[in-house]
Amino acid sequence: MRVVYSFLVYIVIIFSPIIIIYRIFKGKENPKRFFEKFSINKKKRSKGKLVWFHCSSVGELLSIMPLIQQFEKISSIRQILVTTSTLSSSKIFEKFRFKKTLHQFYPLDNKYIIKNFLNYWKPSYAIFVESEIWPAMISELKERGIKVILINARMSEKSFKRWSYLKDFGKSILKKFDYIFPQNKETFRYFKKLGVKKIKFLGNLKFIGSKYDENIRLKNQYFKNKIILCSASTHYNEEEIFANLHIKYRKKISNLITIIIPRHIERTNEITRMLDKKKLKFVKHSENKRDLKDFDIYIVDSYGESKSFYKISNVVFLGGSLVSKGGQNPLEALRYGCSIIHGNYTYNFKDVYKMLEKEKLSLKVSGSKDLERKAFALFEKKNSSNKIKRLNKIGNLILKKNLSELKKIVL
């Protein structure tokens, strides 16, 4: 199995020039930094202890930011390296003002590339997030005697079946982790069944609110006295559902504005073409227009600014849930007192939505007709402050537990 895996990685490397050119053309790759994925490093490595965090994309990155902010205060840690795999996450990272934390793109999981990466950065500890389990990298880390930790670990039933199918190979990789901290009880059980011993449930880091300076200043005069429906992290087809919903609602709500925040901003032109066909007037956030009179849809075509729009929204729909993408994290919107709507497909955040359902903090809809019927009643509602405080209390407790366990390992 290891041979097959290595062969597949080599195939990716062979075709990587074509893949990267295509991704640059699609706006999914940084044309000036893609070489980092081949472990061509330009940023300087400081002397002393370096703690390395690796996560996949935006959601995982934001979930560990409170941890990194605390790690920055520890004098014995001279440098913190954060690696991610997506362009969007690198842009989010830039919004944080760190003193000793820097960002690199994660290298391809080839033994020569990762050896070069580790020879350069020489991490004292490697902390992977959620489901980022890379066999070649983890094996090399263990050979070098570097402790490997998996925090906020997540494993779905589908993933568990795949790991079970891998049998000895899968179990041998998982056993290389020195510690695994699952984000929910379901994941805890799956890792136990796969033979993991050093495991402890600490709660989901996504319950923690991250704080950072937002450069965006919303033109409040354009949103003042408006009823705002926000559809966030939307995927293909979901934008059209909300465009149709806006057309129906504006007959009843004359001061309605619908904000669309696509999950992938490179789809903006596709969305605007759809809005043009429906004769809806739209404004793109990147245009920075001064005159925003008489528009229907406001498209947020930049990363990392969702919070600012949650602040002014009455109702927020979390995308990827009306289509089978598994849903997005609803907790940020909830922290601003928004009424939360989502579809049936929320398996990426099963435990989060289960808690929200228990506390009656979100509303599930089964489709566009159900959405139209239920969302209208939410415009006048705001979640009570005591429930928001309870959410923050849960998050602070989870942060404290994770910090305590990680400090025992790295200090």
Protein backbone atom coordinates (compact mmCIF):
# COMPACT_ATOMS: atom_id res chain seq x y z
CA MET A 1 0.00 0.00 0.00
CA ARG A 2 2.86 2.39 0.80
CA VAL A 3 4.37 1.71 -2.64
CA VAL A 4 1.05 2.47 -4.35
CA TYR A 5 0.69 5.70 -2.37
CA SER A 6 4.24 6.83 -3.27
CA PHE A 7 3.61 6.01 -6.93
CA LEU A 8 0.45 8.14 -6.98
CA VAL A 9 2.34 11.07 -5.42
CA TYR A 10 5.02 10.76 -8.14
CA ILE A 11 2.27 10.90 -10.79
CA VAL A 12 1.00 14.13 -9.24
CA ILE A 13 4.53 15.59 -9.28
CA ILE A 14 5.03 14.67 -12.95
CA PHE A 15 1.82 16.43 -13.96
CA SER A 16 2.20 19.24 -11.41
CA PRO A 17 3.34 21.92 -13.93
CA ILE A 18 0.11 21.45 -15.90
CA ILE A 19 -1.96 21.30 -12.71
CA ILE A 20 -0.37 24.45 -11.29
CA ILE A 21 -0.75 26.44 -14.53
CA TYR A 22 -4.42 25.45 -14.63
CA ARG A 23 -4.89 26.44 -10.96
CA ILE A 24 -3.14 29.80 -11.49
CA PHE A 25 -5.43 30.45 -14.47
CA LYS A 26 -8.44 29.58 -12.27
CA GLY A 27 -7.23 31.87 -9.48
CA LYS A 28 -6.66 28.98 -7.08
CA GLU A 29 -2.88 29.23 -6.89
CA ASN A 30 -0.48 32.03 -5.97
CA PRO A 31 1.79 32.51 -9.03
CA LYS A 32 4.58 33.89 -6.81
CA ARG A 33 4.42 31.25 -4.06
CA PHE A 34 3.47 27.93 -5.67
CA PHE A 35 7.15 26.84 -5.43
CA GLU A 36 6.66 26.49 -1.66
CA LYS A 37 4.71 23.30 -2.40
CA PHE A 38 7.97 21.86 -3.70
CA SER A 39 9.74 22.96 -0.51
CA ILE A 40 11.61 25.84 -2.12
CA ASN A 41 11.77 28.04 0.96
CA LYS A 42 12.50 31.77 0.99
CA LYS A 43 11.31 32.86 4.42
CA LYS A 44 13.86 32.84 7.21
CA ARG A 45 13.95 30.21 9.93
CA SER A 46 14.78 31.73 13.34
CA LYS A 47 17.10 30.03 15.82
CA GLY A 48 15.50 28.12 18.69
CA LYS A 49 12.33 26.12 19.24
CA LEU A 50 9.89 26.11 16.32
CA VAL A 51 6.35 24.73 16.67
CA TRP A 52 4.68 23.78 13.41
CA PHE A 53 0.91 23.78 12.84
CA HIS A 54 -0.57 22.34 9.66
CA CYS A 55 -4.18 22.58 8.55
CA SER A 56 -6.00 22.32 5.24
CA SER A 57 -7.97 25.48 4.56
CA VAL A 58 -9.86 28.47 5.98
CA GLY A 59 -12.13 26.80 8.55
CA GLU A 60 -9.33 24.75 10.08
CA LEU A 61 -7.00 27.76 10.10
CA LEU A 62 -9.50 29.95 11.95
CA SER A 63 -10.14 27.19 14.48
CA ILE A 64 -6.49 27.16 15.59
CA MET A 65 -5.90 30.93 15.57
CA PRO A 66 -6.83 31.31 19.27
CA LEU A 67 -4.22 28.63 20.07
CA ILE A 68 -1.56 30.34 17.99
CA GLN A 69 -2.35 33.69 19.61
CA GLN A 70 -1.68 32.07 22.98
CA PHE A 71 1.47 30.30 21.74
CA GLU A 72 2.83 33.66 20.57
CA LYS A 73 2.98 34.73 24.21
CA ILE A 74 5.26 31.83 25.22
CA SER A 75 8.83 33.14 25.30
CA SER A 76 10.49 29.71 24.97
CA ILE A 77 8.87 29.27 21.54
CA ARG A 78 11.00 31.34 19.17
CA GLN A 79 9.00 30.78 15.99
CA ILE A 80 5.68 29.32 14.86
CA LEU A 81 5.21 27.94 11.37
CA VAL A 82 1.71 27.57 9.93
CA THR A 83 1.21 25.62 6.71
CA THR A 84 -2.00 25.33 4.71
CA SER A 85 -2.90 23.97 1.28
CA THR A 86 -5.20 26.62 -0.19
CA LEU A 87 -4.85 30.14 -1.53
CA SER A 88 -7.87 31.37 0.43
CA SER A 89 -6.33 30.29 3.74
CA SER A 90 -3.09 32.14 2.96
CA LYS A 91 -5.11 35.33 2.42
CA ILE A 92 -6.88 34.86 5.74
CA PHE A 93 -3.55 34.39 7.49
CA GLU A 94 -2.39 37.78 6.18
CA LYS A 95 -5.16 39.46 8.17
CA PHE A 96 -3.56 38.42 11.46
CA ARG A 97 -0.74 40.50 12.85
CA PHE A 98 1.71 38.00 14.27
CA LYS A 99 5.15 38.75 15.61
CA LYS A 100 6.79 35.35 15.30
CA THR A 101 4.35 33.29 13.22
CA LEU A 102 4.73 32.89 9.47
CA HIS A 103 2.89 31.04 6.73
CA GLN A 104 4.05 28.59 4.07
CA PHE A 105 2.15 26.34 1.69
CA TYR A 106 2.26 22.67 2.62
CA PRO A 107 4.73 20.64 0.53
CA LEU A 108 3.81 17.67 -1.64
CA ASP A 109 3.94 14.40 0.30
CA ASN A 110 7.02 13.06 -1.47
CA LYS A 111 9.93 11.83 0.63
CA TYR A 112 12.56 13.99 -1.11
CA ILE A 113 10.42 17.13 -0.95
CA ILE A 114 9.46 16.65 2.70
CA LYS A 115 13.04 15.84 3.70
CA ASN A 116 14.10 19.17 2.24
CA PHE A 117 11.21 20.86 4.07
CA LEU A 118 12.13 19.31 7.43
CA ASN A 119 15.86 19.90 6.96
CA TYR A 120 15.15 23.59 6.49
CA TRP A 121 12.48 24.23 9.16
CA LYS A 122 13.61 21.66 11.76
CA PRO A 123 10.35 21.75 13.76
CA SER A 124 10.51 20.79 17.43
CA TYR A 125 6.88 19.61 17.31
CA ALA A 126 4.39 19.02 14.50
CA ILE A 127 0.71 19.68 15.18
CA PHE A 128 -1.72 18.57 12.48
CA VAL A 129 -5.37 19.68 12.44
CA GLU A 130 -8.58 17.68 11.86
CA SER A 131 -8.05 15.09 9.08
CA GLU A 132 -4.65 16.16 7.77
CA ILE A 133 -2.90 12.77 7.86
CA TRP A 134 -0.03 12.56 5.38
CA PRO A 135 1.74 9.16 5.48
CA ALA A 136 5.16 10.15 4.09
CA MET A 137 5.46 13.28 6.22
CA ILE A 138 4.31 11.59 9.42
CA SER A 139 6.68 8.65 8.87
CA GLU A 140 9.61 11.00 8.31
CA LEU A 141 8.76 13.02 11.41
CA LYS A 142 8.75 9.86 13.53
CA GLU A 143 12.06 8.71 12.08
CA ARG A 144 13.53 12.02 13.22
CA GLY A 145 12.08 11.66 16.70
CA ILE A 146 9.79 14.70 16.33
CA LYS A 147 6.55 14.46 18.29
CA VAL A 148 3.43 14.46 16.11
CA ILE A 149 0.05 15.56 17.46
CA LEU A 150 -3.37 15.56 15.78
CA ILE A 151 -5.68 18.17 17.30
CA ASN A 152 -9.39 18.72 16.72
CA ALA A 153 -9.27 15.37 14.93
CA ARG A 154 -12.25 14.58 12.73
CA MET A 155 -13.23 11.28 11.15
CA SER A 156 -16.54 10.63 9.43
CA GLU A 157 -18.15 7.21 9.06
CA LYS A 158 -17.08 7.17 5.41
CA SER A 159 -13.46 7.96 6.35
CA PHE A 160 -13.54 5.31 9.08
CA LYS A 161 -14.53 2.67 6.52
CA ARG A 162 -11.65 3.74 4.26
CA TRP A 163 -9.16 3.54 7.13
CA SER A 164 -10.54 0.14 8.11
CA TYR A 165 -10.07 -1.05 4.53
CA LEU A 166 -6.40 0.02 4.65
CA LYS A 167 -5.96 -2.36 7.61
CA ASP A 168 -2.33 -2.62 8.73
CA PHE A 169 -1.12 0.30 6.61
CA GLY A 170 -3.77 2.64 8.01
CA LYS A 171 -3.27 1.57 11.59
CA SER A 172 0.52 1.86 11.29
CA ILE A 173 0.17 5.52 10.22
CA LEU A 174 -2.31 6.41 12.95
CA LYS A 175 -0.15 4.81 15.63
CA LYS A 176 2.70 7.15 14.70
CA PHE A 177 0.82 10.05 16.30
CA ASP A 178 2.05 10.69 19.83
CA TYR A 179 -1.31 12.18 20.83
CA ILE A 180 -4.70 12.51 19.15
CA PHE A 181 -7.38 14.90 20.45
CA PRO A 182 -10.75 14.25 18.69
CA GLN A 183 -13.29 17.03 18.26
CA ASN A 184 -16.32 14.83 18.94
CA LYS A 185 -17.34 11.53 20.55
CA GLU A 186 -18.00 9.85 17.19
CA THR A 187 -14.41 10.48 16.06
CA PHE A 188 -13.15 9.32 19.46
CA ARG A 189 -14.90 5.95 18.97
CA TYR A 190 -13.58 5.53 15.42
CA PHE A 191 -9.97 6.12 16.44
CA LYS A 192 -10.39 3.70 19.35
CA LYS A 193 -11.64 1.02 16.95
CA LEU A 194 -8.60 1.64 14.77
CA GLY A 195 -6.33 0.85 17.69
CA VAL A 196 -5.22 4.36 18.72
CA LYS A 197 -4.13 4.40 22.37
CA LYS A 198 -3.00 7.95 23.19
CA ILE A 199 -6.32 9.67 22.69
CA LYS A 200 -8.29 12.22 24.69
CA PHE A 201 -11.53 14.08 23.95
CA LEU A 202 -11.16 17.85 24.46
CA GLY A 203 -14.05 19.31 22.45
CA ASN A 204 -14.35 21.08 19.10
CA LEU A 205 -12.01 24.06 18.61
CA LYS A 206 -14.51 25.63 16.24
CA PHE A 207 -16.60 26.62 19.25
CA ILE A 208 -13.86 29.15 20.04
CA GLY A 209 -14.16 32.63 18.58
CA SER A 210 -11.01 33.96 16.92
CA LYS A 211 -10.13 37.63 17.23
CA TYR A 212 -8.28 39.56 14.59
CA ASP A 213 -8.20 43.06 13.12
CA GLU A 214 -10.57 43.31 10.20
CA ASN A 215 -9.45 45.83 7.62
CA ILE A 216 -12.90 46.14 6.14
CA ARG A 217 -15.06 49.13 7.05
CA LEU A 218 -18.58 48.59 5.86
CA LYS A 219 -20.40 51.54 4.34
CA ASN A 220 -23.11 51.43 6.99
CA GLN A 221 -25.09 54.19 5.28
CA TYR A 222 -25.83 51.77 2.45
CA PHE A 223 -27.09 49.07 4.79
CA LYS A 224 -28.81 51.34 7.30
CA ASN A 225 -32.55 50.68 7.72
CA LYS A 226 -32.27 47.60 5.53
CA ILE A 227 -33.42 44.05 6.17
CA ILE A 228 -30.47 41.82 5.34
CA LEU A 229 -30.50 38.20 4.29
CA CYS A 230 -26.98 36.78 4.12
CA SER A 231 -26.12 33.56 2.30
CA ALA A 232 -22.58 32.62 3.30
CA SER A 233 -20.09 30.05 1.97
CA THR A 234 -22.43 29.22 -0.87
CA HIS A 235 -21.81 26.58 -3.52
CA TYR A 236 -23.09 26.12 -7.06
CA ASN A 237 -26.93 26.26 -7.27
CA GLU A 238 -27.31 27.81 -3.80
CA GLU A 239 -26.76 31.36 -5.11
CA GLU A 240 -29.58 30.88 -7.59
CA ILE A 241 -31.89 29.61 -4.84
CA PHE A 242 -31.29 32.86 -2.94
CA ALA A 243 -31.62 35.00 -6.04
CA ASN A 244 -35.07 33.48 -6.58
CA LEU A 245 -35.84 33.92 -2.88
CA HIS A 246 -34.90 37.60 -3.09
CA ILE A 247 -37.24 38.13 -6.04
CA LYS A 248 -40.13 36.65 -4.04
CA TYR A 249 -39.32 38.37 -0.75
CA ARG A 250 -38.78 41.87 -2.13
CA LYS A 251 -42.48 42.01 -3.01
CA LYS A 252 -43.15 41.85 0.75
CA ILE A 253 -39.96 43.52 2.04
CA SER A 254 -39.17 46.63 0.03
CA ASN A 255 -35.92 47.37 1.91
CA LEU A 256 -34.45 43.87 1.51
CA ILE A 257 -30.83 43.32 0.54
CA THR A 258 -29.40 39.87 -0.05
CA ILE A 259 -25.69 39.41 0.59
CA ILE A 260 -23.99 36.50 -1.17
CA ILE A 261 -20.61 35.30 0.10
CA PRO A 262 -19.48 32.49 -2.23
CA ARG A 263 -17.29 29.76 -0.77
CA HIS A 264 -14.94 30.19 -3.74
CA ILE A 265 -14.69 33.78 -4.98
CA GLU A 266 -13.37 32.69 -8.36
CA ARG A 267 -17.01 31.77 -9.10
CA THR A 268 -18.02 35.45 -8.91
CA ASN A 269 -18.37 35.93 -12.69
CA GLU A 270 -20.51 32.81 -12.91
CA ILE A 271 -22.77 34.24 -10.19
CA THR A 272 -23.03 37.68 -11.80
CA ARG A 273 -24.05 36.12 -15.12
CA MET A 274 -26.85 34.28 -13.34
CA LEU A 275 -28.00 37.51 -11.64
CA ASP A 276 -27.95 39.38 -14.95
CA LYS A 277 -30.28 36.79 -16.46
CA LYS A 278 -32.70 37.33 -13.59
CA LYS A 279 -32.41 41.13 -14.03
CA LEU A 280 -31.25 41.60 -10.47
CA LYS A 281 -29.06 44.62 -9.71
CA PHE A 282 -25.86 43.67 -7.94
CA VAL A 283 -22.75 45.26 -6.48
CA LYS A 284 -19.39 43.57 -6.01
CA HIS A 285 -17.54 44.34 -2.79
CA SER A 286 -14.19 44.59 -4.61
CA GLU A 287 -15.47 47.45 -6.76
CA ASN A 288 -15.54 49.70 -3.69
CA LYS A 289 -18.27 51.85 -5.19
CA ARG A 290 -19.28 55.03 -3.41
CA ASP A 291 -22.77 55.15 -4.82
CA LEU A 292 -24.72 52.00 -3.94
CA LYS A 293 -28.29 53.08 -4.54
CA ASP A 294 -31.05 50.72 -5.55
CA PHE A 295 -29.32 47.36 -5.62
CA ASP A 296 -30.68 43.89 -4.83
CA ILE A 297 -27.61 41.70 -4.28
CA TYR A 298 -24.27 42.52 -2.64
CA ILE A 299 -21.56 40.01 -3.62
CA VAL A 300 -18.63 39.65 -1.23
CA ASP A 301 -15.87 38.66 -3.64
CA SER A 302 -12.98 38.72 -1.16
CA TYR A 303 -11.85 36.36 1.57
CA GLY A 304 -11.95 36.71 5.34
CA GLU A 305 -14.64 39.36 5.69
CA SER A 306 -17.69 37.28 6.56
CA LYS A 307 -17.75 38.49 10.16
CA SER A 308 -18.30 42.10 9.11
CA PHE A 309 -21.39 41.09 7.19
CA TYR A 310 -22.67 38.85 9.97
CA LYS A 311 -22.65 41.94 12.18
CA ILE A 312 -25.27 43.66 10.04
CA SER A 313 -27.34 40.64 8.97
CA ASN A 314 -30.72 39.60 10.32
CA VAL A 315 -30.71 36.07 8.91
CA VAL A 316 -27.71 33.99 7.80
CA PHE A 317 -27.86 30.86 5.67
CA LEU A 318 -24.80 28.59 5.85
CA GLY A 319 -23.95 27.15 2.43
CA GLY A 320 -22.98 23.69 1.32
CA SER A 321 -26.03 22.40 3.13
CA LEU A 322 -28.76 22.64 0.47
CA VAL A 323 -26.36 20.83 -1.85
CA SER A 324 -24.43 17.78 -0.69
CA LYS A 325 -21.19 19.47 0.45
CA GLY A 326 -21.56 18.81 4.18
CA GLY A 327 -22.29 22.35 5.34
CA GLN A 328 -20.15 25.12 6.83
CA ASN A 329 -19.39 26.29 10.35
CA PRO A 330 -22.37 28.31 11.70
CA LEU A 331 -20.75 29.45 14.95
CA GLU A 332 -19.30 32.77 13.78
CA ALA A 333 -22.67 33.98 12.53
CA LEU A 334 -24.30 32.81 15.74
CA ARG A 335 -21.86 34.87 17.81
CA TYR A 336 -23.33 38.00 16.23
CA GLY A 337 -26.88 37.05 17.19
CA CYS A 338 -27.99 36.13 13.68
CA SER A 339 -30.81 33.69 13.05
CA ILE A 340 -29.22 30.62 11.44
CA ILE A 341 -30.69 28.61 8.57
CA HIS A 342 -29.19 25.49 7.01
CA GLY A 343 -30.15 22.59 4.78
CA ASN A 344 -30.10 18.85 5.38
CA TYR A 345 -26.44 18.30 4.45
CA THR A 346 -24.49 19.23 7.59
CA TYR A 347 -22.37 16.11 8.10
CA ASN A 348 -19.11 18.12 8.20
CA PHE A 349 -20.31 19.72 11.45
CA LYS A 350 -22.59 17.04 12.81
CA ASP A 351 -21.83 17.67 16.49
CA VAL A 352 -22.09 21.47 16.10
CA TYR A 353 -25.50 21.38 14.47
CA LYS A 354 -26.67 18.78 16.97
CA MET A 355 -25.89 21.22 19.77
CA LEU A 356 -27.58 24.10 17.94
CA GLU A 357 -30.66 21.99 17.40
CA LYS A 358 -30.74 21.08 21.08
CA GLU A 359 -30.46 24.74 22.09
CA LYS A 360 -32.90 25.84 19.34
CA LEU A 361 -30.27 28.14 17.85
CA SER A 362 -30.67 27.11 14.21
CA LEU A 363 -33.42 26.16 11.78
CA LYS A 364 -33.18 23.32 9.28
CA VAL A 365 -34.90 23.55 5.90
CA SER A 366 -35.39 20.70 3.46
CA GLY A 367 -35.28 22.65 0.20
CA SER A 368 -36.03 25.93 -1.57
CA LYS A 369 -39.79 25.85 -0.86
CA ASP A 370 -39.25 25.05 2.81
CA LEU A 371 -36.62 27.80 2.94
CA GLU A 372 -39.03 30.35 1.49
CA ARG A 373 -41.68 29.43 4.04
CA LYS A 374 -39.49 29.33 7.17
CA ALA A 375 -36.92 32.07 6.58
CA PHE A 376 -39.48 34.87 6.34
CA ALA A 377 -40.51 34.43 9.99
CA LEU A 378 -36.91 34.82 11.19
CA PHE A 379 -36.32 38.40 10.08
CA GLU A 380 -37.63 39.89 13.29
CA LYS A 381 -35.83 37.44 15.58
CA LYS A 382 -32.43 37.68 17.23
CA ASN A 383 -30.89 35.05 19.46
CA SER A 384 -30.90 36.05 23.12
CA SER A 385 -27.65 37.30 24.61
CA ASN A 386 -27.57 34.62 27.32
CA LYS A 387 -27.36 31.89 24.67
CA ILE A 388 -24.52 33.72 22.94
CA LYS A 389 -22.71 34.04 26.27
CA ARG A 390 -23.17 30.31 26.83
CA LEU A 391 -21.63 29.61 23.43
CA ASN A 392 -18.63 31.76 24.33
CA LYS A 393 -18.32 30.01 27.68
CA ILE A 394 -18.19 26.61 25.95
CA GLY A 395 -15.54 27.90 23.56
CA ASN A 396 -13.35 29.32 26.32
CA LEU A 397 -13.46 26.02 28.21
CA ILE A 398 -12.42 24.07 25.10
CA LEU A 399 -9.57 26.53 24.46
CA LYS A 400 -8.36 26.14 28.04
CA LYS A 401 -8.37 22.33 27.80
CA ASN A 402 -6.46 22.28 24.50
CA LEU A 403 -3.90 24.81 25.69
CA SER A 404 -3.31 22.85 28.85
CA GLU A 405 -2.70 19.57 27.01
CA LEU A 406 -0.48 21.11 24.33
CA LYS A 407 1.64 22.98 26.87
CA LYS A 408 2.32 19.69 28.64
CA ILE A 409 3.72 18.37 25.37
CA VAL A 410 5.69 21.29 23.93
CA LEU A 411 6.98 23.05 27.06
